Amino acid sequence: MQINDPEHSKLAIWVGGKNSNARGKPTFMKMVASGLPNNPPRWPEVSAMVKKILYTYKEDARSWERLSDWVERIGWPRFFEKCDLPFTKYLIDDWRGSRANLNASAHIRF
C-alpha cells in the first residue's frame, strides 16, 4: 500500500510541548504548518520548513531555552513572523473550555 497519495495524504508540523513537569507545568504542542505534501523518501518541502524553524530558533533563542520556551517568550504571532510561516487562526488552539475537566498535570490523581 502506498503512503504517498498526492491528493489525500498531507503532513503537518507541530512545535513545542513537553510531558515533564520538572521545571514547569506540562504544555501542549501546537500546529504551525499543515497541508504539506507527502513526498517520500526525502520530503523536501517538510525538510525545508523544519530547517527554517530550527535555524531561526538557533539564531534567536537563548542558550538554555527549549524551543517551546523560546516560542512562549516571543509569542506565537512573532514566531510565525520570524519563521516566515503563514499565520491563520485555525492553526492555534486557544479553546479553554475543559480546563476544569482535563488533567493538565503529569501527576496521577485518584
Foldseek 3Di string as FASTA:
>chain_A
DDQFDFPPHKDWDWDDWDQDDPPHFTDDIFTQDIRQGDDPDVSVVVVVLVVLLVVLCVVPPDPPDDRNRVCVVVDDVVSCVSSVGDDDPVGGDPDDVCVVPDDRGNDDDD
